[in-house]
Amino acid sequence: MNVMPTFYTRINPFVTELTGITTEQLLVKESFPEIYKTYTIFYRWDRLYILYLGMSGIKELIKNIEDHQLNHRLISKKVITLQPYVSMHLNRSRKNLLRLRHAIEALNIPITCIFHNGLL
């Protein structure tokens, strides 16, 4: 799910290149506090695991929760970062972590969508 920008009025061109998402697409989306409220009501956070390839995703989630002065205790504390496990599975150094596209390709998973785009 994508969120209407709150603190920046334009999507960074790097983000558009990475995701294909434009500012115009997000102007009709819900705000972060609205989406956060929906998710914290809908999910049983005490039973939910949050999976990320890298730590930047969870850091960004926490930053947004703090920036919007929301209750961070409502999200799961069960966070799993998959990058080290992917590296270990591929017999690579845990210091040489793969980006999402490279991990998908190395694991021979068919690419069927644009990466980092929750609109699809």
PDB file of N, CA and C in Angstrom:
ATOM      1  N   MET A   1       0.848  -1.170   0.000  1.00  0.00           N
ATOM      2  CA  MET A   1       0.000   0.000   0.000  1.00  0.00           C
ATOM      3  C   MET A   1       0.892   1.231   0.000  1.00  0.00           C
ATOM      4  N   ASN A   2       0.535   2.208  -0.788  1.00  0.00           N
ATOM      5  CA  ASN A   2       1.305   3.443  -0.848  1.00  0.00           C
ATOM      6  C   ASN A   2       0.594   4.532  -0.074  1.00  0.00           C
ATOM      7  N   VAL A   3       1.381   5.496   0.373  1.00  0.00           N
ATOM      8  CA  VAL A   3       0.906   6.530   1.269  1.00  0.00           C
ATOM      9  C   VAL A   3       1.074   7.889   0.616  1.00  0.00           C
ATOM     10  N   MET A   4       0.064   8.753   0.808  1.00  0.00           N
ATOM     11  CA  MET A   4       0.152  10.109   0.305  1.00  0.00           C
ATOM     12  C   MET A   4       1.308  10.820   1.011  1.00  0.00           C
ATOM     13  N   PRO A   5       2.169  11.522   0.271  1.00  0.00           N
ATOM     14  CA  PRO A   5       3.291  12.227   0.909  1.00  0.00           C
ATOM     15  C   PRO A   5       2.787  13.275   1.899  1.00  0.00           C
ATOM     16  N   THR A   6       3.462  13.353   3.037  1.00  0.00           N
ATOM     17  CA  THR A   6       3.083  14.318   4.065  1.00  0.00           C
ATOM     18  C   THR A   6       4.138  15.399   4.220  1.00  0.00           C
ATOM     19  N   PHE A   7       5.387  15.010   4.328  1.00  0.00           N
ATOM     20  CA  PHE A   7       6.451  15.949   4.633  1.00  0.00           C
ATOM     21  C   PHE A   7       7.117  16.518   3.378  1.00  0.00           C
ATOM     22  N   TYR A   8       7.019  15.814   2.275  1.00  0.00           N
ATOM     23  CA  TYR A   8       7.601  16.276   1.013  1.00  0.00           C
ATOM     24  C   TYR A   8       6.476  16.347  -0.014  1.00  0.00           C
ATOM     25  N   THR A   9       6.467  17.422  -0.807  1.00  0.00           N
ATOM     26  CA  THR A   9       5.374  17.599  -1.755  1.00  0.00           C
ATOM     27  C   THR A   9       5.619  16.888  -3.083  1.00  0.00           C
ATOM     28  N   ARG A  10       6.851  16.479  -3.338  1.00  0.00           N
ATOM     29  CA  ARG A  10       7.186  15.788  -4.585  1.00  0.00           C
ATOM     30  C   ARG A  10       7.968  14.513  -4.274  1.00  0.00           C
ATOM     31  N   ILE A  11       7.726  13.464  -5.061  1.00  0.00           N
ATOM     32  CA  ILE A  11       8.496  12.228  -4.939  1.00  0.00           C
ATOM     33  C   ILE A  11       9.879  12.481  -5.530  1.00  0.00           C
ATOM     34  N   ASN A  12      10.893  12.056  -4.842  1.00  0.00           N
ATOM     35  CA  ASN A  12      12.263  12.168  -5.335  1.00  0.00           C
ATOM     36  C   ASN A  12      12.380  11.394  -6.649  1.00  0.00           C
ATOM     37  N   PRO A  13      13.034  11.970  -7.669  1.00  0.00           N
ATOM     38  CA  PRO A  13      13.189  11.267  -8.948  1.00  0.00           C
ATOM     39  C   PRO A  13      13.837   9.878  -8.802  1.00  0.00           C
ATOM     40  N   PHE A  14      14.735   9.716  -7.848  1.00  0.00           N
ATOM     41  CA  PHE A  14      15.343   8.401  -7.604  1.00  0.00           C
ATOM     42  C   PHE A  14      14.274   7.389  -7.206  1.00  0.00           C
ATOM     43  N   VAL A  15      13.344   7.811  -6.353  1.00  0.00           N
ATOM     44  CA  VAL A  15      12.261   6.915  -5.918  1.00  0.00           C
ATOM     45  C   VAL A  15      11.371   6.565  -7.100  1.00  0.00           C
ATOM     46  N   THR A  16      11.057   7.534  -7.949  1.00  0.00           N
ATOM     47  CA  THR A  16      10.250   7.261  -9.137  1.00  0.00           C
ATOM     48  C   THR A  16      10.965   6.277 -10.057  1.00  0.00           C
ATOM     49  N   GLU A  17      12.271   6.462 -10.243  1.00  0.00           N
ATOM     50  CA  GLU A  17      13.040   5.543 -11.082  1.00  0.00           C
ATOM     51  C   GLU A  17      13.063   4.136 -10.488  1.00  0.00           C
ATOM     52  N   LEU A  18      13.209   4.039  -9.179  1.00  0.00           N
ATOM     53  CA  LEU A  18      13.278   2.753  -8.493  1.00  0.00           C
ATOM     54  C   LEU A  18      11.938   2.029  -8.504  1.00  0.00           C
ATOM     55  N   THR A  19      10.852   2.773  -8.288  1.00  0.00           N
ATOM     56  CA  THR A  19       9.542   2.156  -8.074  1.00  0.00           C
ATOM     57  C   THR A  19       8.549   2.340  -9.219  1.00  0.00           C
ATOM     58  N   GLY A  20       8.760   3.373 -10.033  1.00  0.00           N
ATOM     59  CA  GLY A  20       7.777   3.703 -11.053  1.00  0.00           C
ATOM     60  C   GLY A  20       6.627   4.529 -10.499  1.00  0.00           C
ATOM     61  N   ILE A  21       6.660   4.849  -9.209  1.00  0.00           N
ATOM     62  CA  ILE A  21       5.586   5.611  -8.564  1.00  0.00           C
ATOM     63  C   ILE A  21       5.849   7.107  -8.741  1.00  0.00           C
ATOM     64  N   THR A  22       4.810   7.836  -9.143  1.00  0.00           N
ATOM     65  CA  THR A  22       4.926   9.279  -9.321  1.00  0.00           C
ATOM     66  C   THR A  22       4.168  10.008  -8.220  1.00  0.00           C
ATOM     67  N   THR A  23       4.473  11.286  -8.056  1.00  0.00           N
ATOM     68  CA  THR A  23       3.771  12.108  -7.061  1.00  0.00           C
ATOM     69  C   THR A  23       2.277  12.109  -7.343  1.00  0.00           C
ATOM     70  N   GLU A  24       1.900  12.213  -8.615  1.00  0.00           N
ATOM     71  CA  GLU A  24       0.490  12.267  -8.988  1.00  0.00           C
ATOM     72  C   GLU A  24      -0.270  11.017  -8.536  1.00  0.00           C
ATOM     73  N   GLN A  25       0.374   9.864  -8.578  1.00  0.00           N
ATOM     74  CA  GLN A  25      -0.274   8.623  -8.150  1.00  0.00           C
ATOM     75  C   GLN A  25      -0.553   8.631  -6.648  1.00  0.00           C
ATOM     76  N   LEU A  26       0.295   9.272  -5.884  1.00  0.00           N
ATOM     77  CA  LEU A  26       0.148   9.242  -4.433  1.00  0.00           C
ATOM     78  C   LEU A  26      -0.755  10.328  -3.882  1.00  0.00           C
ATOM     79  N   LEU A  27      -1.066  11.330  -4.676  1.00  0.00           N
ATOM     80  CA  LEU A  27      -1.906  12.414  -4.186  1.00  0.00           C
ATOM     81  C   LEU A  27      -3.323  11.958  -3.889  1.00  0.00           C
ATOM     82  N   VAL A  28      -3.716  10.820  -4.441  1.00  0.00           N
ATOM     83  CA  VAL A  28      -5.071  10.310  -4.206  1.00  0.00           C
ATOM     84  C   VAL A  28      -5.075   9.186  -3.170  1.00  0.00           C
ATOM     85  N   LYS A  29      -3.970   8.970  -2.495  1.00  0.00           N
ATOM     86  CA  LYS A  29      -3.848   7.908  -1.499  1.00  0.00           C
ATOM     87  C   LYS A  29      -4.164   8.446  -0.106  1.00  0.00           C
ATOM     88  N   GLU A  30      -4.270   7.544   0.855  1.00  0.00           N
ATOM     89  CA  GLU A  30      -4.523   7.928   2.241  1.00  0.00           C
ATOM     90  C   GLU A  30      -3.235   8.399   2.908  1.00  0.00           C
ATOM     91  N   SER A  31      -3.393   9.126   3.998  1.00  0.00           N
ATOM     92  CA  SER A  31      -2.226   9.607   4.736  1.00  0.00           C
ATOM     93  C   SER A  31      -1.660   8.477   5.595  1.00  0.00           C
ATOM     94  N   PHE A  32      -0.403   8.636   6.014  1.00  0.00           N
ATOM     95  CA  PHE A  32       0.238   7.619   6.850  1.00  0.00           C
ATOM     96  C   PHE A  32      -0.545   7.354   8.136  1.00  0.00           C
ATOM     97  N   PRO A  33      -0.983   8.391   8.878  1.00  0.00           N
ATOM     98  CA  PRO A  33      -1.753   8.106  10.099  1.00  0.00           C
ATOM     99  C   PRO A  33      -3.032   7.303   9.838  1.00  0.00           C
ATOM    100  N   GLU A  34      -3.721   7.570   8.722  1.00  0.00           N
ATOM    101  CA  GLU A  34      -4.935   6.814   8.404  1.00  0.00           C
ATOM    102  C   GLU A  34      -4.612   5.345   8.144  1.00  0.00           C
ATOM    103  N   ILE A  35      -3.579   5.106   7.363  1.00  0.00           N
ATOM    104  CA  ILE A  35      -3.198   3.727   7.035  1.00  0.00           C
ATOM    105  C   ILE A  35      -2.687   3.009   8.281  1.00  0.00           C
ATOM    106  N   TYR A  36      -1.892   3.689   9.081  1.00  0.00           N
ATOM    107  CA  TYR A  36      -1.362   3.094  10.312  1.00  0.00           C
ATOM    108  C   TYR A  36      -2.509   2.684  11.239  1.00  0.00           C
ATOM    109  N   LYS A  37      -3.491   3.559  11.382  1.00  0.00           N
ATOM    110  CA  LYS A  37      -4.640   3.247  12.234  1.00  0.00           C
ATOM    111  C   LYS A  37      -5.376   2.014  11.710  1.00  0.00           C
ATOM    112  N   THR A  38      -5.588   1.945  10.398  1.00  0.00           N
ATOM    113  CA  THR A  38      -6.274   0.800   9.797  1.00  0.00           C
ATOM    114  C   THR A  38      -5.518  -0.491  10.070  1.00  0.00           C
ATOM    115  N   TYR A  39      -4.225  -0.488   9.849  1.00  0.00           N
ATOM    116  CA  TYR A  39      -3.424  -1.700  10.056  1.00  0.00           C
ATOM    117  C   TYR A  39      -3.361  -2.113  11.520  1.00  0.00           C
ATOM    118  N   THR A  40      -3.232  -1.149  12.420  1.00  0.00           N
ATOM    119  CA  THR A  40      -3.129  -1.516  13.830  1.00  0.00           C
ATOM    120  C   THR A  40      -4.455  -2.014  14.380  1.00  0.00           C
ATOM    121  N   ILE A  41      -5.558  -1.646  13.767  1.00  0.00           N
ATOM    122  CA  ILE A  41      -6.867  -2.176  14.169  1.00  0.00           C
ATOM    123  C   ILE A  41      -7.091  -3.554  13.553  1.00  0.00           C
ATOM    124  N   PHE A  42      -6.701  -3.720  12.299  1.00  0.00           N
ATOM    125  CA  PHE A  42      -6.988  -4.936  11.539  1.00  0.00           C
ATOM    126  C   PHE A  42      -6.147  -6.130  11.977  1.00  0.00           C
ATOM    127  N   TYR A  43      -4.859  -5.907  12.213  1.00  0.00           N
ATOM    128  CA  TYR A  43      -3.947  -7.016  12.505  1.00  0.00           C
ATOM    129  C   TYR A  43      -3.783  -7.256  13.993  1.00  0.00           C
ATOM    130  N   ARG A  44      -3.566  -8.512  14.346  1.00  0.00           N
ATOM    131  CA  ARG A  44      -3.190  -8.870  15.716  1.00  0.00           C
ATOM    132  C   ARG A  44      -1.670  -8.747  15.784  1.00  0.00           C
ATOM    133  N   TRP A  45      -1.159  -7.583  16.138  1.00  0.00           N
ATOM    134  CA  TRP A  45       0.269  -7.300  16.087  1.00  0.00           C
ATOM    135  C   TRP A  45       1.084  -8.211  16.983  1.00  0.00           C
ATOM    136  N   ASP A  46       0.462  -8.746  18.035  1.00  0.00           N
ATOM    137  CA  ASP A  46       1.203  -9.630  18.918  1.00  0.00           C
ATOM    138  C   ASP A  46       1.488 -10.971  18.244  1.00  0.00           C
ATOM    139  N   ARG A  47       0.795 -11.269  17.151  1.00  0.00           N
ATOM    140  CA  ARG A  47       1.009 -12.529  16.420  1.00  0.00           C
ATOM    141  C   ARG A  47       1.648 -12.333  15.056  1.00  0.00           C
ATOM    142  N   LEU A  48       1.904 -11.104  14.676  1.00  0.00           N
ATOM    143  CA  LEU A  48       2.377 -10.789  13.333  1.00  0.00           C
ATOM    144  C   LEU A  48       3.899 -10.643  13.302  1.00  0.00           C
ATOM    145  N   TYR A  49       4.505 -11.212  12.285  1.00  0.00           N
ATOM    146  CA  TYR A  49       5.936 -11.004  12.029  1.00  0.00           C
ATOM    147  C   TYR A  49       6.075 -10.025  10.873  1.00  0.00           C
ATOM    148  N   ILE A  50       7.009  -9.107  10.979  1.00  0.00           N
ATOM    149  CA  ILE A  50       7.298  -8.174   9.898  1.00  0.00           C
ATOM    150  C   ILE A  50       8.570  -8.660   9.219  1.00  0.00           C
ATOM    151  N   LEU A  51       8.480  -8.923   7.911  1.00  0.00           N
ATOM    152  CA  LEU A  51       9.634  -9.389   7.153  1.00  0.00           C
ATOM    153  C   LEU A  51      10.110  -8.291   6.219  1.00  0.00           C
ATOM    154  N   TYR A  52      11.405  -8.033   6.247  1.00  0.00           N
ATOM    155  CA  TYR A  52      12.034  -7.066   5.355  1.00  0.00           C
ATOM    156  C   TYR A  52      13.269  -7.714   4.770  1.00  0.00           C
ATOM    157  N   LEU A  53      13.619  -7.295   3.554  1.00  0.00           N
ATOM    158  CA  LEU A  53      14.885  -7.762   3.014  1.00  0.00           C
ATOM    159  C   LEU A  53      16.020  -7.103   3.787  1.00  0.00           C
ATOM    160  N   GLY A  54      15.928  -5.799   3.976  1.00  0.00           N
ATOM    161  CA  GLY A  54      16.964  -5.068   4.706  1.00  0.00           C
ATOM    162  C   GLY A  54      16.363  -4.242   5.818  1.00  0.00           C
ATOM    163  N   MET A  55      17.204  -3.634   6.629  1.00  0.00           N
ATOM    164  CA  MET A  55      16.737  -2.874   7.782  1.00  0.00           C
ATOM    165  C   MET A  55      16.185  -1.501   7.420  1.00  0.00           C
ATOM    166  N   SER A  56      16.441  -1.013   6.218  1.00  0.00           N
ATOM    167  CA  SER A  56      15.981   0.341   5.882  1.00  0.00           C
ATOM    168  C   SER A  56      14.460   0.449   5.934  1.00  0.00           C
ATOM    169  N   GLY A  57      13.748  -0.614   5.597  1.00  0.00           N
ATOM    170  CA  GLY A  57      12.291  -0.580   5.620  1.00  0.00           C
ATOM    171  C   GLY A  57      11.726  -0.380   7.008  1.00  0.00           C
ATOM    172  N   ILE A  58      12.214  -1.132   7.974  1.00  0.00           N
ATOM    173  CA  ILE A  58      11.710  -1.003   9.341  1.00  0.00           C
ATOM    174  C   ILE A  58      12.133   0.331   9.941  1.00  0.00           C
ATOM    175  N   LYS A  59      13.344   0.797   9.599  1.00  0.00           N
ATOM    176  CA  LYS A  59      13.792   2.101  10.088  1.00  0.00           C
ATOM    177  C   LYS A  59      12.887   3.211   9.560  1.00  0.00           C
ATOM    178  N   GLU A  60      12.500   3.109   8.296  1.00  0.00           N
ATOM    179  CA  GLU A  60      11.615   4.117   7.697  1.00  0.00           C
ATOM    180  C   GLU A  60      10.232   4.062   8.329  1.00  0.00           C
ATOM    181  N   LEU A  61       9.728   2.865   8.612  1.00  0.00           N
ATOM    182  CA  LEU A  61       8.435   2.719   9.278  1.00  0.00           C
ATOM    183  C   LEU A  61       8.466   3.394  10.649  1.00  0.00           C
ATOM    184  N   ILE A  62       9.489   3.122  11.433  1.00  0.00           N
ATOM    185  CA  ILE A  62       9.602   3.706  12.773  1.00  0.00           C
ATOM    186  C   ILE A  62       9.754   5.219  12.695  1.00  0.00           C
ATOM    187  N   LYS A  63      10.538   5.694  11.735  1.00  0.00           N
ATOM    188  CA  LYS A  63      10.712   7.141  11.561  1.00  0.00           C
ATOM    189  C   LYS A  63       9.366   7.799  11.265  1.00  0.00           C
ATOM    190  N   ASN A  64       8.567   7.199  10.386  1.00  0.00           N
ATOM    191  CA  ASN A  64       7.264   7.772  10.055  1.00  0.00           C
ATOM    192  C   ASN A  64       6.320   7.743  11.252  1.00  0.00           C
ATOM    193  N   ILE A  65       6.361   6.666  12.024  1.00  0.00           N
ATOM    194  CA  ILE A  65       5.523   6.584  13.220  1.00  0.00           C
ATOM    195  C   ILE A  65       5.891   7.716  14.177  1.00  0.00           C
ATOM    196  N   GLU A  66       7.177   7.920  14.389  1.00  0.00           N
ATOM    197  CA  GLU A  66       7.638   8.986  15.290  1.00  0.00           C
ATOM    198  C   GLU A  66       7.326  10.372  14.725  1.00  0.00           C
ATOM    199  N   ASP A  67       7.566  10.577  13.434  1.00  0.00           N
ATOM    200  CA  ASP A  67       7.316  11.879  12.818  1.00  0.00           C
ATOM    201  C   ASP A  67       5.839  12.275  12.916  1.00  0.00           C
ATOM    202  N   HIS A  68       4.956  11.289  12.859  1.00  0.00           N
ATOM    203  CA  HIS A  68       3.512  11.551  12.957  1.00  0.00           C
ATOM    204  C   HIS A  68       3.005  11.457  14.396  1.00  0.00           C
ATOM    205  N   GLN A  69       3.919  11.252  15.335  1.00  0.00           N
ATOM    206  CA  GLN A  69       3.607  11.168  16.763  1.00  0.00           C
ATOM    207  C   GLN A  69       2.537  10.108  17.050  1.00  0.00           C
ATOM    208  N   LEU A  70       2.728   8.936  16.453  1.00  0.00           N
ATOM    209  CA  LEU A  70       1.818   7.806  16.649  1.00  0.00           C
ATOM    210  C   LEU A  70       2.425   6.843  17.659  1.00  0.00           C
ATOM    211  N   ASN A  71       1.632   5.937  18.140  1.00  0.00           N
ATOM    212  CA  ASN A  71       2.074   4.978  19.153  1.00  0.00           C
ATOM    213  C   ASN A  71       2.834   3.826  18.488  1.00  0.00           C
ATOM    214  N   HIS A  72       4.149   3.788  18.683  1.00  0.00           N
ATOM    215  CA  HIS A  72       4.970   2.734  18.070  1.00  0.00           C
ATOM    216  C   HIS A  72       4.798   1.396  18.770  1.00  0.00           C
ATOM    217  N   ARG A  73       4.185   1.378  19.934  1.00  0.00           N
ATOM    218  CA  ARG A  73       3.974   0.113  20.645  1.00  0.00           C
ATOM    219  C   ARG A  73       2.920  -0.755  19.968  1.00  0.00           C
ATOM    220  N   LEU A  74       2.209  -0.188  18.988  1.00  0.00           N
ATOM    221  CA  LEU A  74       1.154  -0.939  18.311  1.00  0.00           C
ATOM    222  C   LEU A  74       1.689  -1.865  17.223  1.00  0.00           C
ATOM    223  N   ILE A  75       2.956  -1.709  16.836  1.00  0.00           N
ATOM    224  CA  ILE A  75       3.505  -2.579  15.789  1.00  0.00           C
ATOM    225  C   ILE A  75       4.241  -3.751  16.413  1.00  0.00           C
ATOM    226  N   SER A  76       4.371  -4.785  15.632  1.00  0.00           N
ATOM    227  CA  SER A  76       5.019  -6.004  16.108  1.00  0.00           C
ATOM    228  C   SER A  76       6.493  -5.763  16.421  1.00  0.00           C
ATOM    229  N   LYS A  77       6.959  -6.399  17.455  1.00  0.00           N
ATOM    230  CA  LYS A  77       8.390  -6.369  17.789  1.00  0.00           C
ATOM    231  C   LYS A  77       9.111  -7.540  17.128  1.00  0.00           C
ATOM    232  N   LYS A  78       8.353  -8.371  16.425  1.00  0.00           N
ATOM    233  CA  LYS A  78       8.907  -9.557  15.759  1.00  0.00           C
ATOM    234  C   LYS A  78       9.279  -9.167  14.328  1.00  0.00           C
ATOM    235  N   VAL A  79      10.512  -8.716  14.165  1.00  0.00           N
ATOM    236  CA  VAL A  79      10.999  -8.249  12.875  1.00  0.00           C
ATOM    237  C   VAL A  79      12.112  -9.181  12.404  1.00  0.00           C
ATOM    238  N   ILE A  80      12.009  -9.635  11.175  1.00  0.00           N
ATOM    239  CA  ILE A  80      13.031 -10.498  10.600  1.00  0.00           C
ATOM    240  C   ILE A  80      13.602  -9.805   9.370  1.00  0.00           C
ATOM    241  N   THR A  81      14.907  -9.636   9.365  1.00  0.00           N
ATOM    242  CA  THR A  81      15.619  -9.079   8.212  1.00  0.00           C
ATOM    243  C   THR A  81      16.164 -10.248   7.402  1.00  0.00           C
ATOM    244  N   LEU A  82      15.733 -10.344   6.159  1.00  0.00           N
ATOM    245  CA  LEU A  82      16.052 -11.508   5.343  1.00  0.00           C
ATOM    246  C   LEU A  82      17.420 -11.459   4.667  1.00  0.00           C
ATOM    247  N   GLN A  83      18.027 -10.292   4.523  1.00  0.00           N
ATOM    248  CA  GLN A  83      19.301 -10.186   3.799  1.00  0.00           C
ATOM    249  C   GLN A  83      20.377 -11.138   4.309  1.00  0.00           C
ATOM    250  N   PRO A  84      20.629 -11.223   5.602  1.00  0.00           N
ATOM    251  CA  PRO A  84      21.676 -12.145   6.059  1.00  0.00           C
ATOM    252  C   PRO A  84      21.360 -13.605   5.736  1.00  0.00           C
ATOM    253  N   TYR A  85      20.081 -13.979   5.797  1.00  0.00           N
ATOM    254  CA  TYR A  85      19.694 -15.360   5.503  1.00  0.00           C
ATOM    255  C   TYR A  85      19.842 -15.675   4.016  1.00  0.00           C
ATOM    256  N   VAL A  86      19.520 -14.701   3.168  1.00  0.00           N
ATOM    257  CA  VAL A  86      19.699 -14.882   1.724  1.00  0.00           C
ATOM    258  C   VAL A  86      21.189 -15.031   1.421  1.00  0.00           C
ATOM    259  N   SER A  87      22.006 -14.182   2.018  1.00  0.00           N
ATOM    260  CA  SER A  87      23.456 -14.272   1.802  1.00  0.00           C
ATOM    261  C   SER A  87      23.993 -15.621   2.263  1.00  0.00           C
ATOM    262  N   MET A  88      23.559 -16.071   3.421  1.00  0.00           N
ATOM    263  CA  MET A  88      24.014 -17.354   3.957  1.00  0.00           C
ATOM    264  C   MET A  88      23.572 -18.496   3.026  1.00  0.00           C
ATOM    265  N   HIS A  89      22.322 -18.446   2.551  1.00  0.00           N
ATOM    266  CA  HIS A  89      21.810 -19.480   1.658  1.00  0.00           C
ATOM    267  C   HIS A  89      22.615 -19.548   0.356  1.00  0.00           C
ATOM    268  N   LEU A  90      23.077 -18.387  -0.112  1.00  0.00           N
ATOM    269  CA  LEU A  90      23.839 -18.315  -1.360  1.00  0.00           C
ATOM    270  C   LEU A  90      25.345 -18.424  -1.124  1.00  0.00           C
ATOM    271  N   ASN A  91      25.738 -18.792   0.089  1.00  0.00           N
ATOM    272  CA  ASN A  91      27.150 -18.931   0.463  1.00  0.00           C
ATOM    273  C   ASN A  91      27.946 -17.655   0.201  1.00  0.00           C
ATOM    274  N   ARG A  92      27.344 -16.520   0.551  1.00  0.00           N
ATOM    275  CA  ARG A  92      28.008 -15.227   0.423  1.00  0.00           C
ATOM    276  C   ARG A  92      28.300 -14.680   1.811  1.00  0.00           C
ATOM    277  N   SER A  93      29.196 -13.759   1.874  1.00  0.00           N
ATOM    278  CA  SER A  93      29.526 -13.111   3.143  1.00  0.00           C
ATOM    279  C   SER A  93      28.328 -12.314   3.637  1.00  0.00           C
ATOM    280  N   ARG A  94      28.113 -12.335   4.934  1.00  0.00           N
ATOM    281  CA  ARG A  94      27.035 -11.541   5.524  1.00  0.00           C
ATOM    282  C   ARG A  94      27.351 -10.048   5.422  1.00  0.00           C
ATOM    283  N   LYS A  95      28.587  -9.723   5.092  1.00  0.00           N
ATOM    284  CA  LYS A  95      28.970  -8.320   4.914  1.00  0.00           C
ATOM    285  C   LYS A  95      28.663  -7.830   3.505  1.00  0.00           C
ATOM    286  N   ASN A  96      28.428  -8.753   2.584  1.00  0.00           N
ATOM    287  CA  ASN A  96      28.142  -8.418   1.190  1.00  0.00           C
ATOM    288  C   ASN A  96      26.668  -8.737   0.906  1.00  0.00           C
ATOM    289  N   LEU A  97      25.771  -7.917   1.444  1.00  0.00           N
ATOM    290  CA  LEU A  97      24.345  -8.169   1.331  1.00  0.00           C
ATOM    291  C   LEU A  97      23.822  -7.755  -0.042  1.00  0.00           C
ATOM    292  N   LEU A  98      22.922  -8.567  -0.570  1.00  0.00           N
ATOM    293  CA  LEU A  98      22.374  -8.326  -1.899  1.00  0.00           C
ATOM    294  C   LEU A  98      21.186  -7.370  -1.857  1.00  0.00           C
ATOM    295  N   ARG A  99      21.062  -6.546  -2.900  1.00  0.00           N
ATOM    296  CA  ARG A  99      19.880  -5.720  -3.062  1.00  0.00           C
ATOM    297  C   ARG A  99      18.734  -6.625  -3.506  1.00  0.00           C
ATOM    298  N   LEU A 100      17.515  -6.127  -3.412  1.00  0.00           N
ATOM    299  CA  LEU A 100      16.330  -6.934  -3.693  1.00  0.00           C
ATOM    300  C   LEU A 100      16.388  -7.590  -5.072  1.00  0.00           C
ATOM    301  N   ARG A 101      16.624  -6.826  -6.121  1.00  0.00           N
ATOM    302  CA  ARG A 101      16.659  -7.387  -7.476  1.00  0.00           C
ATOM    303  C   ARG A 101      17.703  -8.492  -7.588  1.00  0.00           C
ATOM    304  N   HIS A 102      18.889  -8.250  -7.042  1.00  0.00           N
ATOM    305  CA  HIS A 102      19.965  -9.238  -7.127  1.00  0.00           C
ATOM    306  C   HIS A 102      19.644 -10.496  -6.320  1.00  0.00           C
ATOM    307  N   ALA A 103      18.989 -10.333  -5.177  1.00  0.00           N
ATOM    308  CA  ALA A 103      18.603 -11.494  -4.366  1.00  0.00           C
ATOM    309  C   ALA A 103      17.566 -12.333  -5.112  1.00  0.00           C
ATOM    310  N   ILE A 104      16.578 -11.682  -5.704  1.00  0.00           N
ATOM    311  CA  ILE A 104      15.535 -12.390  -6.461  1.00  0.00           C
ATOM    312  C   ILE A 104      16.160 -13.145  -7.628  1.00  0.00           C
ATOM    313  N   GLU A 105      17.040 -12.485  -8.362  1.00  0.00           N
ATOM    314  CA  GLU A 105      17.689 -13.128  -9.505  1.00  0.00           C
ATOM    315  C   GLU A 105      18.558 -14.299  -9.054  1.00  0.00           C
ATOM    316  N   ALA A 106      19.321 -14.114  -7.971  1.00  0.00           N
ATOM    317  CA  ALA A 106      20.205 -15.176  -7.481  1.00  0.00           C
ATOM    318  C   ALA A 106      19.419 -16.388  -6.988  1.00  0.00           C
ATOM    319  N   LEU A 107      18.215 -16.157  -6.500  1.00  0.00           N
ATOM    320  CA  LEU A 107      17.372 -17.254  -6.017  1.00  0.00           C
ATOM    321  C   LEU A 107      16.497 -17.850  -7.123  1.00  0.00           C
ATOM    322  N   ASN A 108      16.678 -17.352  -8.341  1.00  0.00           N
ATOM    323  CA  ASN A 108      15.924 -17.833  -9.513  1.00  0.00           C
ATOM    324  C   ASN A 108      14.418 -17.718  -9.329  1.00  0.00           C
ATOM    325  N   ILE A 109      13.982 -16.623  -8.717  1.00  0.00           N
ATOM    326  CA  ILE A 109      12.553 -16.352  -8.557  1.00  0.00           C
ATOM    327  C   ILE A 109      12.117 -15.507  -9.747  1.00  0.00           C
ATOM    328  N   PRO A 110      11.053 -15.908 -10.442  1.00  0.00           N
ATOM    329  CA  PRO A 110      10.593 -15.119 -11.590  1.00  0.00           C
ATOM    330  C   PRO A 110      10.215 -13.695 -11.181  1.00  0.00           C
ATOM    331  N   ILE A 111      10.628 -12.739 -11.973  1.00  0.00           N
ATOM    332  CA  ILE A 111      10.301 -11.338 -11.720  1.00  0.00           C
ATOM    333  C   ILE A 111       8.992 -11.050 -12.440  1.00  0.00           C
ATOM    334  N   THR A 112       7.948 -10.776 -11.661  1.00  0.00           N
ATOM    335  CA  THR A 112       6.621 -10.575 -12.238  1.00  0.00           C
ATOM    336  C   THR A 112       6.045  -9.205 -11.954  1.00  0.00           C
ATOM    337  N   CYS A 113       6.822  -8.347 -11.282  1.00  0.00           N
ATOM    338  CA  CYS A 113       6.308  -7.001 -10.972  1.00  0.00           C
ATOM    339  C   CYS A 113       7.470  -6.044 -10.819  1.00  0.00           C
ATOM    340  N   ILE A 114       7.127  -4.775 -10.659  1.00  0.00           N
ATOM    341  CA  ILE A 114       8.122  -3.740 -10.407  1.00  0.00           C
ATOM    342  C   ILE A 114       8.475  -3.793  -8.924  1.00  0.00           C
ATOM    343  N   PHE A 115       9.756  -3.768  -8.603  1.00  0.00           N
ATOM    344  CA  PHE A 115      10.177  -3.827  -7.211  1.00  0.00           C
ATOM    345  C   PHE A 115       9.823  -2.528  -6.473  1.00  0.00           C
ATOM    346  N   HIS A 116       9.583  -2.637  -5.186  1.00  0.00           N
ATOM    347  CA  HIS A 116       9.338  -1.507  -4.287  1.00  0.00           C
ATOM    348  C   HIS A 116       8.081  -0.726  -4.666  1.00  0.00           C
ATOM    349  N   ASN A 117       7.118  -1.369  -5.330  1.00  0.00           N
ATOM    350  CA  ASN A 117       5.916  -0.674  -5.750  1.00  0.00           C
ATOM    351  C   ASN A 117       4.693  -1.377  -5.184  1.00  0.00           C
ATOM    352  N   GLY A 118       4.149  -0.816  -4.136  1.00  0.00           N
ATOM    353  CA  GLY A 118       2.975  -1.399  -3.490  1.00  0.00           C
ATOM    354  C   GLY A 118       1.683  -1.121  -4.224  1.00  0.00           C
ATOM    355  N   LEU A 119       1.735  -0.336  -5.318  1.00  0.00           N
ATOM    356  CA  LEU A 119       0.528  -0.058  -6.093  1.00  0.00           C
ATOM    357  C   LEU A 119       0.097  -1.276  -6.902  1.00  0.00           C
ATOM    358  N   LEU A 120       1.018  -2.194  -7.161  1.00  0.00           N
ATOM    359  CA  LEU A 120       0.695  -3.342  -8.016  1.00  0.00           C
ATOM    360  C   LEU A 120       0.132  -4.476  -7.219  1.00  0.00           C
TER     361      LEU A 120
END
